[in-house]
Amino acid sequence: MECPELRPHTGQIAVEVSNTRWASDITSIKCWNGEKLRVAFVMDCCDRSIIAWRASKHMQAVDIEVLVQEALHRRFGEKLPPLGPL
């Protein structure tokens, strides 16, 4: 089942207003002792500020869910924005 496109994909990620587009990523960093550290973050595409981040040897889906909840709370407090703008 295909999802209808809600916005055109122009290849440009940067936006002019904060809290209109966020990006997230996760990466692994190999440490000197051979262990891997996982680092995940949520970033505002306007000013590239890191809204929330997590680092751990083990990262699960629930950790990412908490990361997104933390980012939403830091930016909007208890009142979430209306559906659509973000």
C-alpha atoms as a PDB file:
ATOM      1  CA  MET A   1       0.000   0.000   0.000  1.00  0.00           C
ATOM      2  CA  GLU A   2       1.497   3.306  -1.068  1.00  0.00           C
ATOM      3  CA  CYS A   3       1.235   6.459   0.987  1.00  0.00           C
ATOM      4  CA  PRO A   4       0.164   9.581  -0.885  1.00  0.00           C
ATOM      5  CA  GLU A   5       2.815  12.299  -1.042  1.00  0.00           C
ATOM      6  CA  LEU A   6       1.890  15.146   1.282  1.00  0.00           C
ATOM      7  CA  ARG A   7       4.790  17.351   0.220  1.00  0.00           C
ATOM      8  CA  PRO A   8       7.131  17.336  -2.755  1.00  0.00           C
ATOM      9  CA  HIS A   9      10.615  15.903  -2.223  1.00  0.00           C
ATOM     10  CA  THR A  10      12.926  18.630  -3.509  1.00  0.00           C
ATOM     11  CA  GLY A  11      16.144  17.318  -1.958  1.00  0.00           C
ATOM     12  CA  GLN A  12      16.384  20.340   0.322  1.00  0.00           C
ATOM     13  CA  ILE A  13      16.235  19.569   4.016  1.00  0.00           C
ATOM     14  CA  ALA A  14      16.891  23.029   5.478  1.00  0.00           C
ATOM     15  CA  VAL A  15      13.859  25.111   6.409  1.00  0.00           C
ATOM     16  CA  GLU A  16      13.536  28.770   7.367  1.00  0.00           C
ATOM     17  CA  VAL A  17      11.448  28.332  10.528  1.00  0.00           C
ATOM     18  CA  SER A  18      12.252  26.207  13.596  1.00  0.00           C
ATOM     19  CA  ASN A  19       9.979  23.308  14.475  1.00  0.00           C
ATOM     20  CA  THR A  20       8.741  22.798  10.911  1.00  0.00           C
ATOM     21  CA  ARG A  21      11.095  19.915  10.064  1.00  0.00           C
ATOM     22  CA  TRP A  22      13.149  17.685  12.305  1.00  0.00           C
ATOM     23  CA  ALA A  23      15.636  14.999  11.339  1.00  0.00           C
ATOM     24  CA  SER A  24      16.998  12.079  13.312  1.00  0.00           C
ATOM     25  CA  ASP A  25      19.798   9.585  12.931  1.00  0.00           C
ATOM     26  CA  ILE A  26      21.645   6.873  14.802  1.00  0.00           C
ATOM     27  CA  THR A  27      25.259   5.834  14.428  1.00  0.00           C
ATOM     28  CA  SER A  28      27.772   3.519  16.075  1.00  0.00           C
ATOM     29  CA  ILE A  29      31.179   4.597  17.319  1.00  0.00           C
ATOM     30  CA  LYS A  30      33.785   1.890  17.859  1.00  0.00           C
ATOM     31  CA  CYS A  31      35.685   2.560  21.070  1.00  0.00           C
ATOM     32  CA  TRP A  32      39.343   1.738  21.779  1.00  0.00           C
ATOM     33  CA  ASN A  33      38.324  -1.251  23.895  1.00  0.00           C
ATOM     34  CA  GLY A  34      36.421  -2.733  20.928  1.00  0.00           C
ATOM     35  CA  GLU A  35      32.938  -1.967  22.242  1.00  0.00           C
ATOM     36  CA  LYS A  36      30.477   0.040  20.183  1.00  0.00           C
ATOM     37  CA  LEU A  37      28.677   3.109  21.473  1.00  0.00           C
ATOM     38  CA  ARG A  38      25.344   3.900  19.813  1.00  0.00           C
ATOM     39  CA  VAL A  39      24.432   7.588  19.500  1.00  0.00           C
ATOM     40  CA  ALA A  40      20.994   8.774  18.373  1.00  0.00           C
ATOM     41  CA  PHE A  41      19.718  12.345  18.053  1.00  0.00           C
ATOM     42  CA  VAL A  42      16.846  14.567  16.948  1.00  0.00           C
ATOM     43  CA  MET A  43      17.888  17.776  15.158  1.00  0.00           C
ATOM     44  CA  ASP A  44      15.969  20.879  14.052  1.00  0.00           C
ATOM     45  CA  CYS A  45      16.563  21.358  10.307  1.00  0.00           C
ATOM     46  CA  CYS A  46      16.318  25.150  10.598  1.00  0.00           C
ATOM     47  CA  ASP A  47      19.311  25.911  12.808  1.00  0.00           C
ATOM     48  CA  ARG A  48      20.744  22.365  13.136  1.00  0.00           C
ATOM     49  CA  SER A  49      20.358  22.458  16.900  1.00  0.00           C
ATOM     50  CA  ILE A  50      20.281  19.105  18.646  1.00  0.00           C
ATOM     51  CA  ILE A  51      16.970  18.931  20.490  1.00  0.00           C
ATOM     52  CA  ALA A  52      17.556  15.604  22.234  1.00  0.00           C
ATOM     53  CA  TRP A  53      20.118  12.804  22.132  1.00  0.00           C
ATOM     54  CA  ARG A  54      20.916   9.421  23.635  1.00  0.00           C
ATOM     55  CA  ALA A  55      24.146   7.418  23.867  1.00  0.00           C
ATOM     56  CA  SER A  56      24.335   3.825  25.031  1.00  0.00           C
ATOM     57  CA  LYS A  57      26.047   0.510  24.344  1.00  0.00           C
ATOM     58  CA  HIS A  58      22.620  -0.959  23.626  1.00  0.00           C
ATOM     59  CA  MET A  59      19.871   0.936  21.787  1.00  0.00           C
ATOM     60  CA  GLN A  60      16.357  -0.417  21.334  1.00  0.00           C
ATOM     61  CA  ALA A  61      13.202   0.898  19.685  1.00  0.00           C
ATOM     62  CA  VAL A  62      11.841   2.019  23.052  1.00  0.00           C
ATOM     63  CA  ASP A  63      14.951   4.208  23.513  1.00  0.00           C
ATOM     64  CA  ILE A  64      14.195   5.964  20.228  1.00  0.00           C
ATOM     65  CA  GLU A  65      10.562   6.421  21.259  1.00  0.00           C
ATOM     66  CA  VAL A  66      11.680   8.049  24.520  1.00  0.00           C
ATOM     67  CA  LEU A  67      14.139  10.217  22.555  1.00  0.00           C
ATOM     68  CA  VAL A  68      11.341  11.568  20.334  1.00  0.00           C
ATOM     69  CA  GLN A  69       9.086  12.142  23.352  1.00  0.00           C
ATOM     70  CA  GLU A  70      11.903  14.065  25.059  1.00  0.00           C
ATOM     71  CA  ALA A  71      12.416  16.240  21.968  1.00  0.00           C
ATOM     72  CA  LEU A  72       8.691  17.010  21.768  1.00  0.00           C
ATOM     73  CA  HIS A  73       8.563  17.895  25.465  1.00  0.00           C
ATOM     74  CA  ARG A  74      11.650  20.132  25.258  1.00  0.00           C
ATOM     75  CA  ARG A  75      10.232  22.097  22.337  1.00  0.00           C
ATOM     76  CA  PHE A  76       6.523  22.179  23.166  1.00  0.00           C
ATOM     77  CA  GLY A  77       6.127  21.326  26.858  1.00  0.00           C
ATOM     78  CA  GLU A  78       2.841  19.700  27.753  1.00  0.00           C
ATOM     79  CA  LYS A  79       0.949  21.164  24.755  1.00  0.00           C
ATOM     80  CA  LEU A  80       1.843  19.464  21.474  1.00  0.00           C
ATOM     81  CA  PRO A  81       1.601  21.399  18.202  1.00  0.00           C
ATOM     82  CA  PRO A  82      -1.428  20.801  15.966  1.00  0.00           C
ATOM     83  CA  LEU A  83      -1.136  17.947  13.486  1.00  0.00           C
ATOM     84  CA  GLY A  84       0.635  18.884  10.285  1.00  0.00           C
ATOM     85  CA  PRO A  85       3.228  21.567  10.961  1.00  0.00           C
ATOM     86  CA  LEU A  86       5.972  19.222  12.145  1.00  0.00           C
END
